[in-house]
Amino acid sequence: MVLIADILMAAGAFGAAIYCYVLSSRLKKFTTLESGMGGAIAVLSAQVDDMTRALEQARAAGNRSADGLVALTARAETVAGRLELLVASLHDLPNPDPAEPQALQTDRQLRFVRRRQSRDDLEAAE
C-alpha cells in the first residue's frame, strides 16, 4: 500500500513539474516585450502617457481661452455700457430742421486724399 502511495505521489509530482514547465514557457511568451502581450501592454502604456500629456495641454489651452473670453466679455460689457450712455445723450440734442441739411450739403464738398507709398518701401525689379 505504501508502495502504491509512493508511486502515485511520484506521478503527481512529475505531473506538477510538467505543468510548471508548460506554464513557465507560456509566461515567457506572454511577457516578451518584442512580440507578445508585453509588447502590446508597453505600447498601450506609452499611448496612455501621450494621451495624458495631450489632455493636460488641451486643458491648459482651454483654461487660457476661457480666461481670455472672460476678459473680453467684461470689456464688451464695459463698452456696451458706454455706448448706451452715448445713445442716451443723443436724445438730448435738438431736432434739426429738415431743410437745413440740404443747404449744408450743397455748401460742402467732400474731398478724398490718397497718399502714395514712399519709394523706399518698393522693391526694385532686377
Protein backbone atom coordinates (compact mmCIF):
# COMPACT_ATOMS: atom_id res chain seq x y z
CA MET A 1 0.00 0.00 0.00
CA VAL A 2 2.82 2.32 0.84
CA LEU A 3 4.43 1.48 -2.49
CA ILE A 4 1.27 2.41 -4.40
CA ALA A 5 1.01 5.68 -2.45
CA ASP A 6 4.64 6.48 -3.25
CA ILE A 7 4.11 5.75 -6.95
CA LEU A 8 1.01 7.94 -7.04
CA MET A 9 2.87 10.71 -5.19
CA ALA A 10 5.78 10.50 -7.67
CA ALA A 11 3.34 10.61 -10.59
CA GLY A 12 1.63 13.66 -9.08
CA ALA A 13 4.98 15.41 -8.56
CA PHE A 14 6.01 14.58 -12.14
CA GLY A 15 2.67 15.95 -13.44
CA ALA A 16 3.10 19.12 -11.37
CA ALA A 17 6.64 19.54 -12.77
CA ILE A 18 5.35 19.23 -16.36
CA TYR A 19 2.54 21.72 -15.57
CA CYS A 20 5.05 24.20 -14.10
CA TYR A 21 7.33 23.83 -17.15
CA VAL A 22 4.44 24.48 -19.59
CA LEU A 23 3.23 27.41 -17.50
CA SER A 24 6.76 28.87 -17.39
CA SER A 25 7.14 28.71 -21.17
CA ARG A 26 3.73 30.35 -21.67
CA LEU A 27 4.61 33.12 -19.25
CA LYS A 28 7.89 33.78 -21.07
CA LYS A 29 6.00 34.13 -24.35
CA PHE A 30 3.42 36.34 -22.66
CA THR A 31 5.93 38.75 -21.15
CA THR A 32 8.33 39.19 -24.07
CA LEU A 33 8.42 42.89 -24.92
CA GLU A 34 9.03 42.47 -28.62
CA SER A 35 6.27 40.17 -29.79
CA GLY A 36 3.93 39.08 -27.03
CA MET A 37 1.34 40.68 -24.84
CA GLY A 38 4.10 42.52 -23.00
CA GLY A 39 4.82 44.48 -26.17
CA ALA A 40 1.18 45.35 -26.59
CA ILE A 41 0.97 46.42 -22.95
CA ALA A 42 4.11 48.55 -23.31
CA VAL A 43 2.73 50.24 -26.45
CA LEU A 44 -0.62 50.89 -24.80
CA SER A 45 1.12 52.29 -21.72
CA ALA A 46 3.13 54.69 -23.88
CA GLN A 47 -0.04 55.75 -25.69
CA VAL A 48 -1.79 56.39 -22.38
CA ASP A 49 1.13 58.60 -21.29
CA ASP A 50 0.99 60.53 -24.57
CA MET A 51 -2.77 60.97 -24.31
CA THR A 52 -2.42 62.16 -20.71
CA ARG A 53 0.10 64.81 -21.78
CA ALA A 54 -2.12 65.86 -24.70
CA LEU A 55 -5.11 66.09 -22.37
CA GLU A 56 -3.18 68.30 -19.95
CA GLN A 57 -2.11 70.58 -22.81
CA ALA A 58 -5.69 70.78 -24.10
CA ARG A 59 -6.96 71.53 -20.61
CA ALA A 60 -4.38 74.32 -20.18
CA ALA A 61 -5.29 75.79 -23.59
CA GLY A 62 -8.98 75.61 -22.72
CA ASN A 63 -8.38 77.40 -19.43
CA ARG A 64 -6.38 80.12 -21.19
CA SER A 65 -9.16 80.54 -23.76
CA ALA A 66 -11.79 80.69 -21.03
CA ASP A 67 -9.80 83.35 -19.18
CA GLY A 68 -9.45 85.34 -22.40
CA LEU A 69 -13.17 85.06 -23.08
CA VAL A 70 -13.98 86.23 -19.57
CA ALA A 71 -11.74 89.27 -20.03
CA LEU A 72 -13.22 90.03 -23.46
CA THR A 73 -16.76 89.66 -22.12
CA ALA A 74 -16.04 92.08 -19.30
CA ARG A 75 -14.53 94.53 -21.76
CA ALA A 76 -17.55 94.17 -24.09
CA GLU A 77 -19.93 94.82 -21.20
CA THR A 78 -18.00 97.99 -20.32
CA VAL A 79 -18.10 99.19 -23.92
CA ALA A 80 -21.81 98.35 -24.18
CA GLY A 81 -22.47 100.49 -21.11
CA ARG A 82 -20.55 103.38 -22.63
CA LEU A 83 -22.46 103.02 -25.91
CA GLU A 84 -25.75 103.07 -24.04
CA LEU A 85 -24.70 106.32 -22.36
CA LEU A 86 -23.76 107.82 -25.72
CA VAL A 87 -27.08 106.82 -27.28
CA ALA A 88 -28.92 108.24 -24.27
CA SER A 89 -27.02 111.50 -24.62
CA LEU A 90 -28.08 111.75 -28.29
CA HIS A 91 -31.68 112.14 -27.15
CA ASP A 92 -30.73 115.47 -25.53
CA LEU A 93 -29.72 117.04 -28.87
CA PRO A 94 -32.27 119.33 -30.57
CA ASN A 95 -34.06 118.07 -33.67
CA PRO A 96 -32.55 119.59 -36.83
CA ASP A 97 -34.55 121.47 -39.45
CA PRO A 98 -35.39 119.24 -42.43
CA ALA A 99 -34.35 121.98 -44.91
CA GLU A 100 -31.06 122.74 -43.16
CA PRO A 101 -29.15 119.54 -44.04
CA GLN A 102 -29.73 120.10 -47.77
CA ALA A 103 -28.23 123.59 -47.54
CA LEU A 104 -25.24 122.21 -45.68
CA GLN A 105 -24.74 119.50 -48.30
CA THR A 106 -24.67 121.99 -51.19
CA ASP A 107 -22.08 124.17 -49.44
CA ARG A 108 -19.80 121.31 -48.58
CA GLN A 109 -17.83 119.23 -50.99
CA LEU A 110 -16.15 116.10 -49.84
CA ARG A 111 -12.51 115.61 -50.68
CA PHE A 112 -10.67 112.36 -50.79
CA VAL A 113 -6.94 112.39 -50.21
CA ARG A 114 -4.90 109.44 -51.34
CA ARG A 115 -1.36 109.01 -50.22
CA ARG A 116 1.26 107.25 -52.22
CA GLN A 117 3.67 104.80 -50.74
CA SER A 118 7.19 106.03 -50.39
CA ARG A 119 9.69 104.75 -52.92
CA ASP A 120 11.82 103.20 -50.17
CA ASP A 121 9.15 100.60 -49.47
CA LEU A 122 9.04 99.37 -53.06
CA GLU A 123 11.42 96.70 -54.23
CA ALA A 124 13.44 97.20 -57.39
CA ALA A 125 12.93 94.67 -60.16
CA GLU A 126 16.10 93.04 -61.31
